[in-house]
Amino acid sequence: MYAKTVQKYNKKGVCANFYVKKCIIFAGFIFFLYFCRKFVFAVKRDWNYILHHLKPWVKNVLGGIGIILSAVVVAHIFPQNQAGQIEQTVAANVVEIVPEQQQEEVAPPEPEGHLVTYPGRSIRYSEKFRDGQLKHMKAAEKNGLQPPPANREEAARMHNRLMHIYTCKYYVVEDLTHSVPYLVPVAAKRLNAIGEEFSDILRRNGLPHYRFRVTSVLRTKDDIRRLRKSGNGNAVTNSVHNYGTTFDLAYTKFDKASITDDYMTDDNLKLVLGQVLLNHQRDGHIYVKYEYKQCCFHVTVRD
């Protein structure tokens, strides 16, 4: 890139003197044609007229040639000096740019500290957590709000039937755009129980304290309508999120809450959260659907 830039500037530096040289040559050529024309007319008259004008004609021609030679010499000497000055200027101001295809991919820096892991068995999430929509809906209609709130104003009037959930030592409630942080009491208690067990497993294995993230909670019908307009194909008209019995837990991002050099990977923390949900599922407390596209565990309480 630097060489091309210098070459470009060198061409521009030579360009001005090149045109000056061309102009001088052109002027000399016109001068030459003028005297050739004068010479031709003289031939037509007589040889005496030729001899009479020969000396001044030769003098003028030689003078024109001298001017042209001088211009050529100056044009060859001056651009070299100017090109050197331009190259120094470009070298001081031009930043070398590496073409995109030649840039080396830089790996993200690894976290500082010591990597620790939960020694649990791997889980086939799509096989273990595949409770269908009908199961979720049946449990939601049994334990949730009846009728579901149509909008957020209506949901606010149901405050005596709902519990507000917020960021605590067990989990982080994200900034919700298409839901409100409320659950029916049985669902709020189950969420806290899941968070407590998740924290307890980390503590018993000597692992740093992390919190999982709650990404979706109660949705009104208006929220679902806006979500569908935004292009989310998973937002069905009659959603289990309408009843306040369902919450989504992200499995790709966790919040470290302890000050320690030890750290865990998101995949390993996903294993811990999956083990907790599997325990509650086996005990008959929840239904779980593994959401691949939304990167979350879709959880509905049963009791």
Protein backbone atom coordinates (compact mmCIF):
# COMPACT_ATOMS: atom_id res chain seq x y z
CA MET A 1 0.00 0.00 0.00
CA TYR A 2 2.85 2.39 0.88
CA ALA A 3 4.71 1.66 -2.35
CA LYS A 4 1.58 2.27 -4.41
CA THR A 5 0.91 5.55 -2.62
CA VAL A 6 4.47 6.79 -3.18
CA GLN A 7 4.30 5.76 -6.80
CA LYS A 8 1.03 7.65 -7.15
CA TYR A 9 2.55 10.80 -5.63
CA ASN A 10 5.67 10.46 -7.78
CA LYS A 11 3.49 10.39 -10.85
CA LYS A 12 1.73 13.54 -9.73
CA GLY A 13 5.05 15.25 -9.01
CA VAL A 14 6.44 14.47 -12.43
CA CYS A 15 3.18 15.31 -14.12
CA ALA A 16 3.48 19.12 -13.88
CA ASN A 17 7.03 19.24 -15.29
CA PHE A 18 6.10 16.76 -17.96
CA TYR A 19 3.37 19.06 -19.25
CA VAL A 20 5.76 22.04 -19.14
CA LYS A 21 8.23 20.11 -21.25
CA LYS A 22 5.51 19.13 -23.70
CA CYS A 23 4.35 22.71 -24.03
CA ILE A 24 7.88 23.92 -24.75
CA ILE A 25 8.41 21.21 -27.36
CA PHE A 26 5.08 22.03 -28.93
CA ALA A 27 5.95 25.74 -29.05
CA GLY A 28 9.29 24.91 -30.66
CA PHE A 29 7.55 22.71 -33.19
CA ILE A 30 5.14 25.53 -34.13
CA PHE A 31 8.12 27.85 -34.37
CA PHE A 32 9.78 25.35 -36.68
CA LEU A 33 6.69 25.02 -38.90
CA TYR A 34 6.42 28.79 -39.18
CA PHE A 35 9.94 29.10 -40.59
CA CYS A 36 9.41 26.04 -42.81
CA ARG A 37 6.37 27.78 -44.26
CA LYS A 38 8.43 30.95 -44.70
CA PHE A 39 11.16 28.90 -46.38
CA VAL A 40 8.69 27.28 -48.80
CA PHE A 41 7.29 30.64 -49.83
CA ALA A 42 10.83 31.90 -50.29
CA VAL A 43 11.63 28.99 -52.62
CA LYS A 44 8.75 29.98 -54.81
CA ARG A 45 10.14 33.49 -55.21
CA ASP A 46 13.82 33.29 -55.89
CA TRP A 47 17.09 31.94 -54.56
CA ASN A 48 18.32 35.39 -53.69
CA TYR A 49 15.50 35.78 -51.23
CA ILE A 50 16.48 32.36 -49.78
CA LEU A 51 20.08 33.40 -49.30
CA HIS A 52 18.96 36.70 -47.84
CA HIS A 53 16.82 35.03 -45.17
CA LEU A 54 18.94 31.91 -44.59
CA LYS A 55 21.19 33.30 -41.88
CA PRO A 56 18.44 34.64 -39.59
CA TRP A 57 16.37 31.50 -40.21
CA VAL A 58 19.23 29.20 -39.16
CA LYS A 59 19.87 31.41 -36.14
CA ASN A 60 16.24 31.19 -35.05
CA VAL A 61 16.09 27.43 -35.57
CA LEU A 62 19.24 26.86 -33.55
CA GLY A 63 17.85 29.10 -30.81
CA GLY A 64 14.61 27.07 -30.69
CA ILE A 65 16.55 23.81 -30.48
CA GLY A 66 18.60 25.23 -27.63
CA ILE A 67 15.45 26.18 -25.73
CA ILE A 68 14.00 22.71 -26.23
CA LEU A 69 17.20 20.98 -25.05
CA SER A 70 17.33 23.21 -21.98
CA ALA A 71 13.72 22.37 -21.13
CA VAL A 72 14.43 18.64 -21.46
CA VAL A 73 17.44 18.85 -19.14
CA VAL A 74 15.46 20.80 -16.51
CA ALA A 75 12.49 18.43 -16.73
CA HIS A 76 14.77 15.42 -16.10
CA ILE A 77 16.60 16.95 -13.18
CA PHE A 78 13.76 18.71 -11.30
CA PRO A 79 11.26 15.79 -10.89
CA GLN A 80 13.84 13.58 -9.21
CA ASN A 81 14.39 16.09 -6.43
CA GLN A 82 10.66 16.77 -6.11
CA ALA A 83 9.87 13.05 -6.02
CA GLY A 84 12.33 12.59 -3.16
CA GLN A 85 10.63 15.33 -1.16
CA ILE A 86 7.17 13.87 -1.86
CA GLU A 87 8.34 10.41 -0.80
CA GLN A 88 9.61 11.77 2.53
CA THR A 89 6.27 13.55 3.10
CA VAL A 90 4.25 10.45 2.28
CA ALA A 91 6.46 8.27 4.48
CA ALA A 92 5.82 10.59 7.43
CA ASN A 93 2.03 10.81 6.97
CA VAL A 94 0.79 7.67 5.24
CA VAL A 95 -0.23 4.77 7.48
CA GLU A 96 0.41 1.37 5.97
CA ILE A 97 -2.84 -0.48 5.40
CA VAL A 98 -2.76 -4.26 5.18
CA PRO A 99 -5.28 -5.63 2.66
CA GLU A 100 -8.25 -7.31 4.31
CA GLN A 101 -7.51 -10.71 2.87
CA GLN A 102 -4.00 -10.60 4.35
CA GLN A 103 -5.06 -9.66 7.87
CA GLU A 104 -4.54 -12.43 10.36
CA GLU A 105 -7.53 -13.45 12.45
CA VAL A 106 -6.90 -12.55 16.05
CA ALA A 107 -8.40 -14.96 18.56
CA PRO A 108 -10.31 -13.38 21.44
CA PRO A 109 -8.23 -13.16 24.61
CA GLU A 110 -8.77 -15.97 27.04
CA PRO A 111 -10.00 -15.05 30.52
CA GLU A 112 -7.26 -14.63 33.06
CA GLY A 113 -7.21 -17.16 35.84
CA HIS A 114 -7.70 -20.89 36.22
CA LEU A 115 -10.35 -22.82 34.31
CA VAL A 116 -12.46 -25.07 36.53
CA THR A 117 -15.21 -27.46 35.46
CA TYR A 118 -18.26 -29.19 36.85
CA PRO A 119 -17.59 -32.97 36.68
CA GLY A 120 -21.11 -33.96 35.70
CA ARG A 121 -22.16 -36.26 32.89
CA SER A 122 -23.04 -34.73 29.57
CA ILE A 123 -26.73 -34.33 28.74
CA ARG A 124 -28.45 -34.73 25.40
CA TYR A 125 -30.63 -31.67 25.86
CA SER A 126 -32.83 -32.17 22.79
CA GLU A 127 -33.73 -35.67 23.99
CA LYS A 128 -34.19 -34.94 27.68
CA PHE A 129 -36.06 -31.65 27.27
CA ARG A 130 -38.69 -32.19 24.60
CA ASP A 131 -41.98 -31.69 26.45
CA GLY A 132 -44.45 -30.57 23.82
CA GLN A 133 -46.63 -27.46 23.57
CA LEU A 134 -49.77 -29.33 24.63
CA LYS A 135 -48.21 -30.38 27.93
CA HIS A 136 -47.03 -26.83 28.61
CA MET A 137 -50.42 -25.37 27.74
CA LYS A 138 -52.34 -27.82 29.91
CA ALA A 139 -50.16 -26.99 32.93
CA ALA A 140 -50.36 -23.24 32.21
CA GLU A 141 -54.16 -23.25 32.02
CA LYS A 142 -54.35 -25.25 35.24
CA ASN A 143 -51.95 -23.13 37.33
CA GLY A 144 -51.94 -19.74 35.61
CA LEU A 145 -54.00 -16.59 35.21
CA GLN A 146 -57.58 -16.92 34.04
CA PRO A 147 -58.26 -15.10 31.84
CA PRO A 148 -54.81 -14.09 30.56
CA PRO A 149 -54.19 -10.31 30.60
CA ALA A 150 -54.84 -8.54 27.33
CA ASN A 151 -52.38 -5.70 27.98
CA ARG A 152 -49.96 -4.46 30.61
CA GLU A 153 -52.52 -2.22 32.29
CA GLU A 154 -54.70 -5.25 32.86
CA ALA A 155 -51.70 -7.22 34.13
CA ALA A 156 -50.94 -4.42 36.62
CA ARG A 157 -54.43 -4.77 38.06
CA MET A 158 -53.66 -8.44 38.77
CA HIS A 159 -50.80 -7.58 41.15
CA ASN A 160 -52.49 -9.46 44.02
CA ARG A 161 -52.33 -12.66 41.96
CA LEU A 162 -48.75 -12.19 40.76
CA MET A 163 -45.27 -11.99 42.27
CA HIS A 164 -42.65 -9.57 41.02
CA ILE A 165 -39.33 -11.20 40.15
CA TYR A 166 -36.10 -9.24 40.05
CA THR A 167 -32.36 -9.75 39.91
CA CYS A 168 -31.10 -11.51 43.04
CA LYS A 169 -28.18 -13.67 44.17
CA TYR A 170 -29.45 -16.64 42.15
CA TYR A 171 -30.33 -15.16 38.75
CA VAL A 172 -30.34 -11.99 36.65
CA VAL A 173 -33.55 -10.67 35.11
CA GLU A 174 -32.60 -9.10 31.80
CA ASP A 175 -34.10 -5.89 30.42
CA LEU A 176 -37.41 -7.24 29.17
CA THR A 177 -38.86 -5.67 26.01
CA HIS A 178 -41.70 -8.07 25.21
CA SER A 179 -42.68 -9.31 28.67
CA VAL A 180 -43.07 -8.08 32.23
CA PRO A 181 -41.24 -9.47 35.29
CA TYR A 182 -44.20 -11.15 36.98
CA LEU A 183 -45.09 -14.78 37.66
CA VAL A 184 -47.84 -16.57 39.53
CA PRO A 185 -46.62 -17.51 43.05
CA VAL A 186 -46.07 -21.20 42.28
CA ALA A 187 -43.88 -20.32 39.28
CA ALA A 188 -41.92 -17.65 41.17
CA LYS A 189 -41.18 -20.13 43.98
CA ARG A 190 -40.07 -22.77 41.49
CA LEU A 191 -37.73 -20.27 39.79
CA ASN A 192 -36.15 -19.45 43.15
CA ALA A 193 -35.78 -23.15 43.95
CA ILE A 194 -34.00 -23.73 40.62
CA GLY A 195 -31.68 -20.79 41.32
CA GLU A 196 -30.92 -22.01 44.82
CA GLU A 197 -30.06 -25.52 43.64
CA PHE A 198 -27.91 -24.15 40.81
CA SER A 199 -25.94 -22.07 43.30
CA ASP A 200 -25.69 -24.98 45.74
CA ILE A 201 -24.16 -27.32 43.14
CA LEU A 202 -21.47 -24.78 42.33
CA ARG A 203 -20.71 -24.23 46.01
CA ARG A 204 -20.52 -27.96 46.88
CA ASN A 205 -18.07 -28.56 44.02
CA GLY A 206 -15.83 -25.65 45.02
CA LEU A 207 -16.71 -23.70 41.87
CA PRO A 208 -17.10 -19.92 41.52
CA HIS A 209 -20.57 -18.47 41.99
CA TYR A 210 -22.49 -17.73 38.82
CA ARG A 211 -26.04 -16.61 38.10
CA PHE A 212 -28.14 -17.68 35.14
CA ARG A 213 -30.26 -15.21 33.15
CA VAL A 214 -34.04 -14.96 32.86
CA THR A 215 -34.89 -13.70 29.36
CA SER A 216 -38.70 -13.90 29.19
CA VAL A 217 -41.56 -14.09 31.71
CA LEU A 218 -45.21 -12.99 31.56
CA ARG A 219 -46.41 -11.77 28.18
CA THR A 220 -49.71 -10.05 27.58
CA LYS A 221 -51.61 -10.50 24.33
CA ASP A 222 -50.37 -7.09 23.21
CA ASP A 223 -46.77 -8.17 23.89
CA ILE A 224 -47.21 -11.27 21.75
CA ARG A 225 -48.79 -9.24 18.96
CA ARG A 226 -45.80 -6.86 18.95
CA LEU A 227 -43.41 -9.79 19.12
CA ARG A 228 -45.00 -11.39 16.06
CA LYS A 229 -44.74 -8.12 14.16
CA SER A 230 -41.03 -7.99 14.97
CA GLY A 231 -40.56 -11.26 13.06
CA ASN A 232 -40.36 -13.82 15.86
CA GLY A 233 -41.98 -16.93 14.40
CA ASN A 234 -42.04 -18.71 17.77
CA ALA A 235 -44.52 -16.20 19.19
CA VAL A 236 -47.88 -17.99 18.86
CA THR A 237 -51.18 -16.25 19.43
CA ASN A 238 -52.13 -18.41 22.44
CA SER A 239 -48.79 -18.61 24.26
CA VAL A 240 -48.10 -20.30 27.59
CA HIS A 241 -46.29 -17.08 28.55
CA ASN A 242 -49.77 -15.47 28.79
CA TYR A 243 -50.56 -17.32 32.00
CA GLY A 244 -47.61 -16.30 34.18
CA THR A 245 -46.48 -19.90 34.66
CA THR A 246 -43.62 -19.93 32.16
CA PHE A 247 -40.12 -18.46 32.04
CA ASP A 248 -37.15 -18.78 29.70
CA LEU A 249 -33.62 -19.36 31.00
CA ALA A 250 -30.69 -18.55 28.69
CA TYR A 251 -28.02 -21.22 28.37
CA THR A 252 -25.42 -19.24 26.40
CA LYS A 253 -24.61 -16.46 28.88
CA PHE A 254 -24.08 -16.48 32.62
CA ASP A 255 -23.16 -13.79 35.11
CA LYS A 256 -20.14 -14.33 37.36
CA ALA A 257 -20.98 -13.11 40.86
CA SER A 258 -17.87 -14.12 42.81
CA ILE A 259 -14.51 -12.35 42.94
CA THR A 260 -12.05 -15.10 42.09
CA ASP A 261 -9.49 -15.96 39.42
CA ASP A 262 -11.26 -19.25 38.70
CA TYR A 263 -13.73 -19.25 35.83
CA MET A 264 -16.03 -21.65 33.99
CA THR A 265 -17.13 -21.91 30.37
CA ASP A 266 -20.71 -21.24 29.31
CA ASP A 267 -21.05 -24.81 28.06
CA ASN A 268 -20.06 -26.19 31.45
CA LEU A 269 -22.46 -23.86 33.24
CA LYS A 270 -25.16 -24.96 30.81
CA LEU A 271 -24.50 -28.51 31.99
CA VAL A 272 -25.03 -27.46 35.62
CA LEU A 273 -28.29 -25.67 34.79
CA GLY A 274 -29.42 -28.61 32.67
CA GLN A 275 -28.78 -31.01 35.55
CA VAL A 276 -30.88 -28.85 37.90
CA LEU A 277 -33.77 -28.66 35.43
CA LEU A 278 -33.54 -32.40 34.81
CA ASN A 279 -33.90 -33.04 38.58
CA HIS A 280 -37.01 -30.85 38.81
CA GLN A 281 -38.44 -32.40 35.67
CA ARG A 282 -37.99 -35.93 37.00
CA ASP A 283 -39.68 -34.92 40.24
CA GLY A 284 -42.72 -33.80 38.24
CA HIS A 285 -42.46 -30.09 39.06
CA ILE A 286 -41.84 -28.64 35.61
CA TYR A 287 -42.04 -29.20 31.88
CA VAL A 288 -38.97 -28.21 29.86
CA LYS A 289 -38.51 -27.57 26.14
CA TYR A 290 -35.01 -27.13 24.74
CA GLU A 291 -35.19 -24.09 22.44
CA TYR A 292 -32.35 -24.29 19.93
CA LYS A 293 -33.02 -21.10 17.96
CA GLN A 294 -33.83 -18.96 21.00
CA CYS A 295 -30.89 -20.41 22.99
CA CYS A 296 -32.95 -20.98 26.11
CA PHE A 297 -34.69 -23.56 28.29
CA HIS A 298 -38.46 -23.01 28.05
CA VAL A 299 -39.85 -23.91 31.49
CA THR A 300 -43.48 -24.22 32.65
CA VAL A 301 -44.42 -25.19 36.23
CA ARG A 302 -46.73 -28.12 36.83
CA ASP A 303 -47.40 -27.67 40.56
